[in-house]
Amino acid sequence: MLCRALRTLASIFFIRSHLSLKPVLVAFVLAKLHLGSQKDQLVLHVWMCMYLIPEKRGSELSLTLSEVVEDLASVVDNHPQEREVYTSEKLGSDETGDGTAEKPFKSVLEALRQTDGKEPLPNIFVDGKEEGKKYEPLAKAQMKKQKKIWQSEANKAADKAKRDDEDAERREKNLEEARKVVLTQDPALPTPKQIKIRAGVKTRSVRVKVYGWVHRLRRQGKNLMFLVLRDGTGFLQCVLSDILCQSYDALTLSTEAAVCLFGEINVVPEGKTLVGSSPPGGADNLLNEEAHVDVQLDNRHMMIRGENTTKVLKMRSVVMHCFREHYFDRGYYEVTPPTLVQTQVEGGSTLFKLPYFGEEAYLTQSSQLYLETAIPAMGDVFCIASSYRAETSRTRRHLSEYTHIEGECSFISFDNLLERLEDLVCDVVDRVLKSPYANIVYELNPDIPEAPERKMTDQIGEPILLCKFPTEIKSFYMLRCEDDRRLTESVDLLMPSVGEIIGGSMRIWQYEELMEGFKREGIDPTNYYWYTDQRKYGTCPHGGYGLGLERFLCWILNRYHIREVCLYPRFVDRCRP
């Protein structure tokens, strides 16, 4: 291919020596069309740019083809080759690896660190997923994700360096001020008695003088320091405050420094003893508010200790309690359906499949079908359980595992169903705002309506109940409208900034019509025998709904992303910790 390019360049050289510059550019384009690889095209492009520099045009006419070839060879030799870096979660090491296939890095992030993120980035390979394939190229989506993490690291490092410089400057100023502080003993106080720490119990409430080494040290603001002093005979907890913390010696004090302290020994107040220590630096070693979202999610076990997250999780508990109170007050019974099932409810494309003792099973999409079977035994029923959807959606409103609040009601009409949905949401909000934790709701969402007992349309000021969806886009079990068989007696409840939080419908209660629904959706009814039997033995009109607790919480607590209201969220590419 390069030989063909050289022949083309020979033609260009001849044209250049006889014609104007314009035909040369035309020939340059023609030459590029002959070249296959990007590398050969780059060689040609570099050489032509050099050749067409105005300052050199006078001397270029004397160039020979051999000189052109020599120039091209030089460009090829000096052209940087594409790098390949290998990583392996199984065999690699970020400490001892060098990025080769024989000694790969462990993580893609380390590979990016080694390149310092400079373009062009190398081709990064990861463990192969196919049998017999040791490595395969890193997927573009993963590369984009890792680059974001690396960039976040780099930005944080730069910010930290800037903060360190500012802190150093500020510390130097503080030290200059601290040198002016002079500590003197108050002559009005009793003369201190020098003791060893082991004698501390006998000299309580007496002014003493103690020598020792600083075993532990913690500063809290500018006016408080906590020390654990060690003298070989025991340990003594010490507290320094105000001007004692502002002297030069106090600001430069560190562990293992030898000091002399004056003061009174008192019993540590009950409940003030240290139960479990934390490493130096505390949780900031793992994450902080500026940490990348993936780092925050990896360390969710520490993230939930934050003030806001703690409040959200507490309100999650309160809201679930209020839902249960509503149901029990309205005469419902709670049931606990299985989550391992062999039937689908909302379509097979979002099922999580798994082997189950030689059979195929799924994680449930909804407990609705099981609730329907409980109606003849218990009347109106509800459940609060996990549901699972294998959706690849990466929006702020989707989860792979979520808490599903579902209810089924017997002997009702479609209008009755709508009334029950409105009553459910209004009553639960009312109970939450009347609970001892209402202040948290107002703190997190100052715009929450103060009169939840009003009609929801009055609260929100916009239509929120979408009714009667076409049969083609709804599930096999939904009852068709009597006045228009193309539509179903179905409803979605929408909330501002969140969207759908409830989906409900009347259920088909006639056997023949249900069989038609199975046929329309291409579902084999064999595994649904326990469900279809409900239409044979004492069937009745009934309806129900499912409410996504996480979306409800996002609305009432004014949370932007659904993962904020989960203890440990599960979504695409996230199944830890």
Protein backbone atom coordinates (compact mmCIF):
# COMPACT_ATOMS: atom_id res chain seq x y z
CA MET A 1 0.00 0.00 0.00
CA LEU A 2 2.86 2.38 0.83
CA CYS A 3 4.55 1.58 -2.52
CA ARG A 4 1.38 2.64 -4.31
CA ALA A 5 1.47 5.85 -2.29
CA LEU A 6 5.06 6.47 -3.34
CA ARG A 7 4.16 6.00 -7.00
CA THR A 8 1.37 8.51 -6.52
CA LEU A 9 3.79 10.89 -4.83
CA ALA A 10 6.16 10.56 -7.78
CA SER A 11 3.33 11.76 -9.99
CA ILE A 12 2.64 14.58 -7.58
CA PHE A 13 6.32 15.53 -7.63
CA PHE A 14 6.23 15.75 -11.40
CA ILE A 15 3.05 17.84 -11.36
CA ARG A 16 4.47 20.12 -8.66
CA SER A 17 7.51 20.91 -10.77
CA HIS A 18 5.46 21.90 -13.81
CA LEU A 19 2.08 23.19 -12.56
CA SER A 20 0.66 25.55 -10.00
CA LEU A 21 -0.08 24.61 -6.37
CA LYS A 22 -3.78 23.82 -6.92
CA PRO A 23 -3.26 20.65 -9.04
CA VAL A 24 -0.78 19.44 -6.44
CA LEU A 25 -3.50 19.56 -3.79
CA VAL A 26 -5.83 17.66 -6.11
CA ALA A 27 -3.16 15.01 -6.59
CA PHE A 28 -2.67 14.90 -2.81
CA VAL A 29 -6.36 14.08 -2.35
CA LEU A 30 -6.15 11.39 -5.04
CA ALA A 31 -3.15 9.87 -3.29
CA LYS A 32 -5.07 9.68 -0.02
CA LEU A 33 -7.82 7.74 -1.77
CA HIS A 34 -5.25 5.07 -2.67
CA LEU A 35 -4.16 4.60 0.92
CA GLY A 36 -5.86 2.04 3.13
CA SER A 37 -4.59 2.46 6.66
CA GLN A 38 -4.79 5.62 8.74
CA LYS A 39 -1.08 5.29 9.40
CA ASP A 40 -0.18 5.47 5.68
CA GLN A 41 -2.54 8.41 5.24
CA LEU A 42 -0.86 10.17 8.15
CA VAL A 43 2.56 9.64 6.55
CA LEU A 44 1.35 11.15 3.28
CA HIS A 45 -0.35 14.03 5.06
CA VAL A 46 2.74 14.92 7.10
CA TRP A 47 5.02 14.78 4.07
CA MET A 48 2.71 16.91 1.92
CA CYS A 49 2.43 19.53 4.65
CA MET A 50 6.21 19.71 4.81
CA TYR A 51 6.44 19.80 1.02
CA LEU A 52 3.97 22.65 0.59
CA ILE A 53 5.50 25.03 3.16
CA PRO A 54 5.98 28.34 1.28
CA GLU A 55 9.48 28.92 2.65
CA LYS A 56 10.68 25.69 1.08
CA ARG A 57 8.99 25.87 -2.30
CA GLY A 58 12.07 27.33 -3.94
CA SER A 59 14.25 24.40 -2.94
CA GLU A 60 11.66 21.66 -3.27
CA LEU A 61 11.89 21.58 -7.10
CA SER A 62 15.30 19.98 -6.80
CA LEU A 63 14.06 17.08 -4.64
CA THR A 64 14.44 13.61 -6.09
CA LEU A 65 12.09 10.70 -5.60
CA SER A 66 14.71 8.90 -3.49
CA GLU A 67 14.82 11.91 -1.18
CA VAL A 68 11.03 11.83 -0.92
CA VAL A 69 11.16 8.15 0.00
CA GLU A 70 13.85 8.89 2.58
CA ASP A 71 11.71 11.65 4.09
CA LEU A 72 8.72 9.34 4.24
CA ALA A 73 10.74 6.56 5.87
CA SER A 74 11.93 9.02 8.50
CA VAL A 75 8.35 10.07 9.25
CA VAL A 76 7.28 6.42 9.54
CA ASP A 77 10.15 5.63 11.91
CA ASN A 78 9.37 8.61 14.10
CA HIS A 79 5.59 8.14 14.07
CA PRO A 80 4.44 6.97 17.50
CA GLN A 81 3.04 3.44 17.46
CA GLU A 82 -0.30 2.62 19.06
CA ARG A 83 0.25 1.34 22.58
CA GLU A 84 -1.49 -1.60 24.15
CA VAL A 85 -1.98 -1.84 27.90
CA TYR A 86 -3.31 -4.99 29.56
CA THR A 87 -5.32 -5.29 32.76
CA SER A 88 -6.65 -8.31 34.60
CA GLU A 89 -8.83 -8.46 37.71
CA LYS A 90 -7.81 -12.11 38.10
CA LEU A 91 -4.06 -12.04 37.47
CA GLY A 92 -3.00 -8.39 37.51
CA SER A 93 -1.40 -6.18 40.13
CA ASP A 94 -1.44 -2.40 40.36
CA GLU A 95 1.69 -2.53 42.52
CA THR A 96 3.96 -4.84 40.48
CA GLY A 97 2.34 -4.89 37.03
CA ASP A 98 3.78 -3.01 34.06
CA GLY A 99 0.80 -3.17 31.68
CA THR A 100 2.14 -5.95 29.46
CA ALA A 101 0.20 -9.11 28.66
CA GLU A 102 2.59 -11.03 30.93
CA LYS A 103 2.43 -8.56 33.85
CA PRO A 104 -0.90 -6.75 33.54
CA PHE A 105 -2.25 -4.08 35.84
CA LYS A 106 -5.18 -5.10 38.01
CA SER A 107 -7.46 -2.13 37.24
CA VAL A 108 -8.21 0.02 34.22
CA LEU A 109 -7.89 3.04 36.48
CA GLU A 110 -4.24 2.21 37.16
CA ALA A 111 -3.63 1.92 33.40
CA LEU A 112 -5.00 5.44 32.95
CA ARG A 113 -2.91 6.72 35.87
CA GLN A 114 0.25 5.37 34.24
CA THR A 115 -0.53 7.22 30.98
CA ASP A 116 -1.45 10.35 32.93
CA GLY A 117 -4.58 10.46 30.78
CA LYS A 118 -2.73 12.00 27.86
CA GLU A 119 -4.13 11.59 24.35
CA PRO A 120 -3.91 9.47 22.38
CA LEU A 121 -4.86 6.92 25.03
CA PRO A 122 -3.54 3.39 24.58
CA ASN A 123 -5.72 0.45 23.60
CA ILE A 124 -6.68 -1.06 26.95
CA PHE A 125 -7.45 -4.76 27.23
CA VAL A 126 -9.33 -6.54 30.04
CA ASP A 127 -10.10 -10.15 30.95
CA GLY A 128 -11.80 -11.96 28.09
CA LYS A 129 -15.34 -13.19 28.71
CA GLU A 130 -15.31 -15.90 26.05
CA GLU A 131 -13.76 -19.26 26.85
CA GLY A 132 -10.20 -19.54 25.58
CA LYS A 133 -9.89 -15.76 25.08
CA LYS A 134 -7.45 -14.32 27.62
CA TYR A 135 -7.97 -10.63 26.79
CA GLU A 136 -10.48 -8.49 24.95
CA PRO A 137 -10.64 -4.71 24.28
CA LEU A 138 -12.23 -2.59 26.97
CA ALA A 139 -15.80 -1.57 26.04
CA LYS A 140 -16.27 2.09 25.10
CA ALA A 141 -18.86 2.60 27.84
CA GLN A 142 -16.45 1.27 30.47
CA MET A 143 -13.61 3.38 29.09
CA LYS A 144 -15.81 6.47 29.34
CA LYS A 145 -16.75 5.58 32.91
CA GLN A 146 -13.14 4.95 33.96
CA LYS A 147 -11.97 8.17 32.30
CA LYS A 148 -14.54 10.08 34.33
CA ILE A 149 -13.25 8.50 37.53
CA TRP A 150 -9.65 9.22 36.55
CA GLN A 151 -10.51 12.82 35.65
CA SER A 152 -12.29 13.20 38.97
CA GLU A 153 -9.19 11.89 40.74
CA ALA A 154 -6.97 14.27 38.83
CA ASN A 155 -9.24 17.21 39.61
CA LYS A 156 -9.35 16.27 43.28
CA ALA A 157 -5.57 15.95 43.37
CA ALA A 158 -5.22 19.41 41.84
CA ASP A 159 -7.77 20.83 44.27
CA LYS A 160 -6.00 19.14 47.17
CA ALA A 161 -2.66 20.57 46.12
CA LYS A 162 -4.24 24.01 45.96
CA ARG A 163 -5.86 23.55 49.37
CA ASP A 164 -2.59 22.30 50.83
CA ASP A 165 -0.80 25.39 49.57
CA GLU A 166 -3.50 27.62 51.03
CA ASP A 167 -3.45 25.69 54.30
CA ALA A 168 0.34 25.99 54.50
CA GLU A 169 0.13 29.73 53.97
CA ARG A 170 -2.67 30.05 56.52
CA ARG A 171 -0.78 27.88 58.99
CA GLU A 172 2.32 30.02 58.66
CA LYS A 173 0.28 33.12 59.48
CA ASN A 174 -1.28 31.35 62.47
CA LEU A 175 2.14 30.33 63.72
CA GLU A 176 3.34 33.92 63.51
CA GLU A 177 0.37 34.97 65.65
CA ALA A 178 0.90 32.03 68.00
CA ARG A 179 4.49 33.09 68.73
CA LYS A 180 3.05 36.21 70.36
CA VAL A 181 1.01 34.16 72.86
CA VAL A 182 2.72 33.78 76.23
CA LEU A 183 1.35 31.35 78.81
CA THR A 184 1.72 32.20 82.50
CA GLN A 185 0.52 30.46 85.65
CA ASP A 186 -2.22 32.11 87.67
CA PRO A 187 -0.64 32.99 91.06
CA ALA A 188 -4.06 32.79 92.67
CA LEU A 189 -4.25 29.03 92.05
CA PRO A 190 -2.84 26.47 94.56
CA THR A 191 0.68 25.18 94.03
CA PRO A 192 0.43 22.03 91.88
CA LYS A 193 1.53 18.65 93.20
CA GLN A 194 3.75 16.67 90.85
CA ILE A 195 2.49 13.10 90.40
CA LYS A 196 2.70 10.02 88.25
CA ILE A 197 -0.42 9.10 86.33
CA ARG A 198 -0.85 5.90 88.39
CA ALA A 199 -1.52 8.17 91.40
CA GLY A 200 -4.31 9.99 89.60
CA VAL A 201 -7.15 8.20 91.41
CA LYS A 202 -5.83 9.36 94.80
CA THR A 203 -5.37 12.97 93.69
CA ARG A 204 -8.74 13.72 92.13
CA SER A 205 -9.98 17.31 92.40
CA VAL A 206 -6.45 18.39 93.40
CA ARG A 207 -4.29 20.66 91.23
CA VAL A 208 -1.45 18.52 89.88
CA LYS A 209 1.57 18.65 87.60
CA VAL A 210 2.12 15.71 85.22
CA TYR A 211 4.94 14.93 82.81
CA GLY A 212 4.50 12.50 79.95
CA TRP A 213 4.37 11.79 76.22
CA VAL A 214 1.47 12.62 73.92
CA HIS A 215 0.01 9.21 73.06
CA ARG A 216 -3.06 10.44 71.11
CA LEU A 217 -3.98 13.91 69.89
CA ARG A 218 -7.14 15.37 68.36
CA ARG A 219 -8.01 18.99 67.65
CA GLN A 220 -11.56 20.29 67.46
CA GLY A 221 -11.70 23.78 66.04
CA LYS A 222 -9.40 26.51 67.29
CA ASN A 223 -10.32 26.34 70.95
CA LEU A 224 -10.31 22.68 71.91
CA MET A 225 -7.69 19.90 72.04
CA PHE A 226 -7.98 16.35 73.34
CA LEU A 227 -4.83 14.50 74.47
CA VAL A 228 -4.11 11.08 75.86
CA LEU A 229 -0.97 11.41 77.98
CA ARG A 230 1.33 8.46 78.73
CA ASP A 231 4.09 8.40 81.35
CA GLY A 232 4.91 4.70 81.65
CA THR A 233 2.67 4.21 84.67
CA GLY A 234 -0.66 4.77 82.95
CA PHE A 235 -2.74 6.88 80.58
CA LEU A 236 -4.53 10.16 81.28
CA GLN A 237 -7.17 11.90 79.15
CA CYS A 238 -6.53 15.66 78.99
CA VAL A 239 -8.54 18.57 77.61
CA LEU A 240 -7.01 21.92 76.61
CA SER A 241 -9.22 24.88 75.79
CA ASP A 242 -9.14 28.51 74.68
CA ILE A 243 -5.74 30.24 74.88
CA LEU A 244 -4.01 26.97 75.83
CA CYS A 245 -4.75 25.76 72.29
CA GLN A 246 -3.48 28.93 70.63
CA SER A 247 0.15 29.04 71.68
CA TYR A 248 2.98 28.11 69.31
CA ASP A 249 3.74 24.94 71.30
CA ALA A 250 0.08 23.88 71.12
CA LEU A 251 -0.19 24.46 67.35
CA THR A 252 2.99 22.49 66.65
CA LEU A 253 2.25 19.73 69.15
CA SER A 254 2.25 16.19 67.75
CA THR A 255 2.15 12.64 69.07
CA GLU A 256 5.13 11.40 71.10
CA ALA A 257 6.09 14.94 72.11
CA ALA A 258 7.13 15.26 75.78
CA VAL A 259 4.99 17.75 77.70
CA CYS A 260 4.22 19.04 81.15
CA LEU A 261 0.56 19.70 82.00
CA PHE A 262 -1.08 21.47 84.93
CA GLY A 263 -4.68 20.97 86.02
CA GLU A 264 -7.21 18.99 88.07
CA ILE A 265 -7.99 15.29 87.57
CA ASN A 266 -11.71 14.45 87.44
CA VAL A 267 -13.69 11.30 86.70
CA VAL A 268 -14.68 10.96 83.02
CA PRO A 269 -18.45 11.58 82.76
CA GLU A 270 -20.50 8.42 82.27
CA GLY A 271 -20.91 7.55 78.62
CA LYS A 272 -17.80 9.43 77.52
CA THR A 273 -15.47 6.45 77.23
CA LEU A 274 -14.19 5.37 73.81
CA VAL A 275 -15.88 2.16 72.65
CA GLY A 276 -14.53 1.73 69.12
CA SER A 277 -11.71 3.78 67.63
CA SER A 278 -11.35 4.98 64.03
CA PRO A 279 -8.16 5.19 61.91
CA PRO A 280 -6.42 8.58 61.62
CA GLY A 281 -8.31 10.74 59.15
CA GLY A 282 -11.58 8.97 59.86
CA ALA A 283 -14.10 8.32 57.09
CA ASP A 284 -12.46 10.99 54.91
CA ASN A 285 -9.93 8.30 54.00
CA LEU A 286 -12.72 6.54 52.10
CA LEU A 287 -14.85 9.35 50.71
CA ASN A 288 -16.04 12.90 51.10
CA GLU A 289 -18.68 15.16 49.55
CA GLU A 290 -16.48 15.77 46.50
CA ALA A 291 -15.95 12.07 45.78
CA HIS A 292 -17.06 10.68 42.42
CA VAL A 293 -20.54 9.11 42.49
CA ASP A 294 -19.09 5.62 41.88
CA VAL A 295 -16.74 6.06 44.84
CA GLN A 296 -19.69 7.17 46.97
CA LEU A 297 -21.69 4.12 45.90
CA ASP A 298 -18.76 1.76 46.52
CA ASN A 299 -18.59 3.19 50.05
CA ARG A 300 -22.33 3.43 50.58
CA HIS A 301 -21.85 1.76 53.99
CA MET A 302 -20.10 4.94 55.11
CA MET A 303 -22.22 7.31 53.02
CA ILE A 304 -25.39 6.36 54.91
CA ARG A 305 -23.84 7.77 58.09
CA GLY A 306 -24.11 11.28 56.60
CA GLU A 307 -26.68 13.62 58.10
CA ASN A 308 -28.96 13.96 55.07
CA THR A 309 -28.83 10.29 54.10
CA THR A 310 -29.64 9.31 57.67
CA LYS A 311 -32.69 11.57 57.59
CA VAL A 312 -33.85 10.11 54.27
CA LEU A 313 -33.52 6.53 55.51
CA LYS A 314 -35.36 7.35 58.73
CA MET A 315 -38.19 8.87 56.70
CA ARG A 316 -38.25 5.75 54.53
CA SER A 317 -39.04 3.77 57.67
CA VAL A 318 -41.67 6.31 58.77
CA VAL A 319 -43.36 6.35 55.34
CA MET A 320 -43.54 2.53 55.20
CA HIS A 321 -45.09 2.56 58.67
CA CYS A 322 -47.67 5.12 57.53
CA PHE A 323 -48.59 2.96 54.52
CA ARG A 324 -49.18 0.00 56.81
CA GLU A 325 -51.25 2.15 59.17
CA HIS A 326 -53.41 3.25 56.23
CA TYR A 327 -54.04 -0.29 55.06
CA PHE A 328 -54.87 -1.65 58.51
CA ASP A 329 -57.14 1.32 59.18
CA ARG A 330 -59.01 0.56 55.91
CA GLY A 331 -59.45 -3.11 56.75
CA TYR A 332 -56.73 -4.68 54.58
CA TYR A 333 -54.64 -7.70 55.56
CA GLU A 334 -50.93 -7.91 54.80
CA VAL A 335 -49.60 -10.96 52.93
CA THR A 336 -46.03 -12.00 52.08
CA PRO A 337 -45.92 -13.46 48.55
CA PRO A 338 -42.88 -15.34 47.18
CA THR A 339 -40.17 -13.56 45.20
CA LEU A 340 -38.99 -16.74 43.41
CA VAL A 341 -41.57 -17.42 40.71
CA GLN A 342 -42.09 -19.22 37.40
CA THR A 343 -44.52 -16.71 35.85
CA GLN A 344 -44.25 -13.23 34.38
CA VAL A 345 -46.46 -10.22 35.04
CA GLU A 346 -45.01 -7.32 33.03
CA GLY A 347 -43.36 -9.00 30.02
CA GLY A 348 -40.53 -11.47 29.62
CA SER A 349 -37.91 -8.95 28.47
CA THR A 350 -37.38 -7.61 32.00
CA LEU A 351 -37.21 -10.92 33.85
CA PHE A 352 -34.19 -11.95 35.91
CA LYS A 353 -33.79 -15.65 35.14
CA LEU A 354 -32.04 -18.17 37.40
CA PRO A 355 -31.75 -21.97 37.74
CA TYR A 356 -33.89 -23.44 40.49
CA PHE A 357 -33.11 -27.09 41.29
CA GLY A 358 -33.12 -28.10 37.65
CA GLU A 359 -35.98 -25.81 36.65
CA GLU A 360 -36.08 -22.25 35.35
CA ALA A 361 -37.27 -19.59 37.75
CA TYR A 362 -37.40 -15.79 37.90
CA LEU A 363 -37.19 -12.99 40.40
CA THR A 364 -40.69 -11.57 40.67
CA GLN A 365 -41.70 -8.48 38.70
CA SER A 366 -44.80 -8.02 40.83
CA SER A 367 -46.74 -9.86 43.53
CA GLN A 368 -50.08 -8.93 41.96
CA LEU A 369 -51.09 -12.39 40.77
CA TYR A 370 -50.52 -13.89 44.20
CA LEU A 371 -52.48 -11.09 45.87
CA GLU A 372 -55.41 -11.84 43.57
CA THR A 373 -55.45 -15.43 44.81
CA ALA A 374 -55.67 -14.18 48.42
CA ILE A 375 -58.78 -12.08 47.86
CA PRO A 376 -61.32 -14.95 48.21
CA ALA A 377 -59.63 -16.02 51.45
CA MET A 378 -58.94 -12.68 53.15
CA GLY A 379 -60.75 -9.92 51.33
CA ASP A 380 -58.76 -6.77 50.53
CA VAL A 381 -55.03 -7.45 50.84
CA PHE A 382 -51.71 -5.64 50.42
CA CYS A 383 -47.99 -6.42 50.49
CA ILE A 384 -44.75 -4.46 50.81
CA ALA A 385 -42.07 -6.52 49.10
CA SER A 386 -39.16 -6.32 46.65
CA SER A 387 -39.78 -6.52 42.91
CA TYR A 388 -37.15 -6.86 40.20
CA ARG A 389 -36.91 -5.55 36.65
CA ALA A 390 -33.98 -6.41 34.34
CA GLU A 391 -34.23 -3.07 32.57
CA THR A 392 -31.14 -1.46 31.09
CA SER A 393 -32.49 2.04 31.69
CA ARG A 394 -29.92 4.39 33.20
CA THR A 395 -32.27 7.19 34.18
CA ARG A 396 -32.57 8.82 37.59
CA ARG A 397 -35.94 7.07 38.10
CA HIS A 398 -35.08 3.41 37.42
CA LEU A 399 -33.86 0.62 39.69
CA SER A 400 -33.33 -3.09 39.13
CA GLU A 401 -34.63 -3.85 42.62
CA TYR A 402 -37.24 -1.70 44.30
CA THR A 403 -39.80 -1.82 47.11
CA HIS A 404 -43.25 -2.49 45.67
CA ILE A 405 -46.36 -1.56 47.65
CA GLU A 406 -49.26 -3.44 46.07
CA GLY A 407 -52.94 -3.75 46.88
CA GLU A 408 -55.84 -5.81 45.52
CA CYS A 409 -59.49 -5.07 46.24
CA SER A 410 -62.56 -7.22 45.60
CA PHE A 411 -66.03 -6.19 44.40
CA ILE A 412 -65.04 -2.72 43.18
CA SER A 413 -65.54 -0.69 39.99
CA PHE A 414 -63.00 1.39 38.08
CA ASP A 415 -64.28 4.56 39.74
CA ASN A 416 -63.88 2.90 43.13
CA LEU A 417 -60.26 2.08 42.22
CA LEU A 418 -59.51 5.71 41.37
CA GLU A 419 -61.00 6.84 44.68
CA ARG A 420 -58.89 4.33 46.59
CA LEU A 421 -55.70 5.54 44.91
CA GLU A 422 -56.47 9.13 45.83
CA ASP A 423 -57.34 8.12 49.38
CA LEU A 424 -54.11 6.11 49.68
CA VAL A 425 -51.75 8.93 48.71
CA CYS A 426 -53.58 11.71 50.56
CA ASP A 427 -53.98 9.70 53.76
CA VAL A 428 -50.37 8.51 53.82
CA VAL A 429 -49.04 12.04 53.26
CA ASP A 430 -51.37 13.28 55.99
CA ARG A 431 -50.08 10.64 58.41
CA VAL A 432 -46.45 11.46 57.59
CA LEU A 433 -46.97 15.18 58.20
CA LYS A 434 -48.72 14.48 61.49
CA SER A 435 -45.95 12.16 62.70
CA PRO A 436 -43.17 13.25 65.10
CA TYR A 437 -40.83 13.26 62.09
CA ALA A 438 -42.72 15.80 60.00
CA ASN A 439 -39.96 18.37 60.59
CA ILE A 440 -37.57 16.24 58.52
CA VAL A 441 -40.00 16.32 55.58
CA TYR A 442 -40.32 20.11 55.75
CA GLU A 443 -36.56 20.41 56.05
CA LEU A 444 -35.89 18.27 52.97
CA ASN A 445 -38.91 19.51 51.00
CA PRO A 446 -40.14 22.95 52.10
CA ASP A 447 -42.74 22.98 49.30
CA ILE A 448 -44.66 19.89 50.47
CA PRO A 449 -48.42 20.67 50.57
CA GLU A 450 -49.76 21.41 54.04
CA ALA A 451 -53.28 20.12 53.38
CA PRO A 452 -52.94 16.56 52.08
CA GLU A 453 -56.57 15.84 52.81
CA ARG A 454 -57.55 18.05 49.84
CA LYS A 455 -58.04 16.60 46.40
CA MET A 456 -54.74 15.81 44.77
CA THR A 457 -55.60 17.95 41.76
CA ASP A 458 -55.92 20.92 44.10
CA GLN A 459 -52.61 20.11 45.75
CA ILE A 460 -50.56 19.85 42.61
CA GLY A 461 -52.52 22.07 40.26
CA GLU A 462 -52.28 19.83 37.19
CA PRO A 463 -53.83 16.61 35.83
CA ILE A 464 -52.17 13.61 37.42
CA LEU A 465 -54.43 10.62 36.75
CA LEU A 466 -53.96 9.18 33.26
CA CYS A 467 -56.69 6.66 32.50
CA LYS A 468 -57.72 4.03 29.94
CA PHE A 469 -54.59 3.04 28.04
CA PRO A 470 -54.80 1.09 24.75
CA THR A 471 -54.97 -2.69 25.07
CA GLU A 472 -51.90 -3.21 22.86
CA ILE A 473 -49.53 -1.51 25.31
CA LYS A 474 -50.90 -3.02 28.51
CA SER A 475 -50.60 -6.42 30.21
CA PHE A 476 -52.67 -9.52 29.47
CA TYR A 477 -54.67 -9.33 32.73
CA MET A 478 -56.16 -5.82 32.32
CA LEU A 479 -59.91 -5.54 31.83
CA ARG A 480 -61.17 -3.90 28.63
CA CYS A 481 -63.58 -0.97 28.73
CA GLU A 482 -67.21 -1.85 28.04
CA ASP A 483 -67.76 1.22 25.85
CA ASP A 484 -64.53 0.85 23.84
CA ARG A 485 -62.87 -2.58 23.64
CA ARG A 486 -59.68 -1.01 22.29
CA LEU A 487 -59.02 0.52 25.71
CA THR A 488 -58.40 -0.89 29.18
CA GLU A 489 -59.70 0.18 32.56
CA SER A 490 -56.21 1.23 33.63
CA VAL A 491 -54.63 4.21 35.36
CA ASP A 492 -51.23 5.76 36.06
CA LEU A 493 -50.72 8.26 38.87
CA LEU A 494 -48.13 10.92 38.05
CA MET A 495 -46.30 13.24 40.43
CA PRO A 496 -44.32 16.42 39.61
CA SER A 497 -40.59 15.91 38.95
CA VAL A 498 -40.93 12.15 39.39
CA GLY A 499 -43.49 10.92 36.89
CA GLU A 500 -45.38 7.67 37.39
CA ILE A 501 -45.51 6.39 40.97
CA ILE A 502 -48.58 4.13 40.70
CA GLY A 503 -49.88 1.86 37.97
CA GLY A 504 -53.22 0.14 38.43
CA SER A 505 -56.17 -1.44 36.63
CA MET A 506 -59.26 -3.53 36.90
CA ARG A 507 -58.43 -7.21 36.37
CA ILE A 508 -60.02 -9.55 33.86
CA TRP A 509 -62.33 -11.75 35.91
CA GLN A 510 -63.92 -13.93 33.21
CA TYR A 511 -62.04 -17.12 32.27
CA GLU A 512 -62.53 -16.95 28.49
CA GLU A 513 -61.43 -13.33 28.26
CA LEU A 514 -58.32 -14.10 30.33
CA MET A 515 -57.39 -16.94 27.97
CA GLU A 516 -57.66 -14.48 25.07
CA GLY A 517 -55.25 -12.20 26.90
CA PHE A 518 -52.70 -15.00 27.26
CA LYS A 519 -53.05 -15.80 23.58
CA ARG A 520 -52.67 -12.17 22.53
CA GLU A 521 -49.40 -11.84 24.46
CA GLY A 522 -48.10 -15.26 23.36
CA ILE A 523 -47.95 -16.61 26.93
CA ASP A 524 -48.41 -20.30 27.72
CA PRO A 525 -51.06 -20.42 30.51
CA THR A 526 -49.89 -23.83 31.78
CA ASN A 527 -47.80 -22.44 34.66
CA TYR A 528 -50.65 -20.06 35.53
CA TYR A 529 -53.13 -22.80 36.47
CA TRP A 530 -53.32 -21.52 40.05
CA TYR A 531 -54.13 -18.04 38.71
CA THR A 532 -56.71 -19.10 36.12
CA ASP A 533 -58.47 -21.27 38.72
CA GLN A 534 -59.54 -18.03 40.40
CA ARG A 535 -61.80 -17.45 37.36
CA LYS A 536 -63.35 -20.90 37.69
CA TYR A 537 -64.08 -21.01 41.42
CA GLY A 538 -66.07 -18.03 42.61
CA THR A 539 -64.74 -15.23 40.39
CA CYS A 540 -65.68 -11.61 41.07
CA PRO A 541 -64.92 -8.08 39.76
CA HIS A 542 -61.70 -6.82 41.33
CA GLY A 543 -58.83 -4.40 40.74
CA GLY A 544 -55.52 -3.36 42.16
CA TYR A 545 -52.35 -1.36 41.80
CA GLY A 546 -48.63 -1.17 42.51
CA LEU A 547 -46.81 1.82 44.01
CA GLY A 548 -43.04 2.31 43.80
CA LEU A 549 -41.93 3.33 47.29
CA GLU A 550 -38.67 4.87 46.08
CA ARG A 551 -40.41 7.18 43.60
CA PHE A 552 -42.94 8.17 46.25
CA LEU A 553 -40.05 9.06 48.57
CA CYS A 554 -38.32 11.06 45.83
CA TRP A 555 -41.49 13.11 45.49
CA ILE A 556 -42.31 13.68 49.15
CA LEU A 557 -38.67 14.28 50.23
CA ASN A 558 -37.68 16.26 47.12
CA ARG A 559 -34.81 13.95 46.14
CA TYR A 560 -33.46 14.27 42.60
CA HIS A 561 -32.08 10.75 42.10
CA ILE A 562 -33.83 7.55 43.11
CA ARG A 563 -30.63 6.02 44.50
CA GLU A 564 -30.67 8.65 47.26
CA VAL A 565 -33.66 6.99 48.94
CA CYS A 566 -32.27 3.41 48.90
CA LEU A 567 -30.13 1.79 51.55
CA TYR A 568 -28.04 0.00 48.90
CA PRO A 569 -29.36 0.80 45.39
CA ARG A 570 -29.31 -1.81 42.63
CA PHE A 571 -29.27 -0.76 38.98
CA VAL A 572 -27.33 -1.46 35.78
CA ASP A 573 -23.69 -2.35 36.63
CA ARG A 574 -24.30 -1.84 40.35
CA CYS A 575 -24.70 -4.86 42.64
CA ARG A 576 -22.35 -3.98 45.48
CA PRO A 577 -21.82 -3.52 48.33
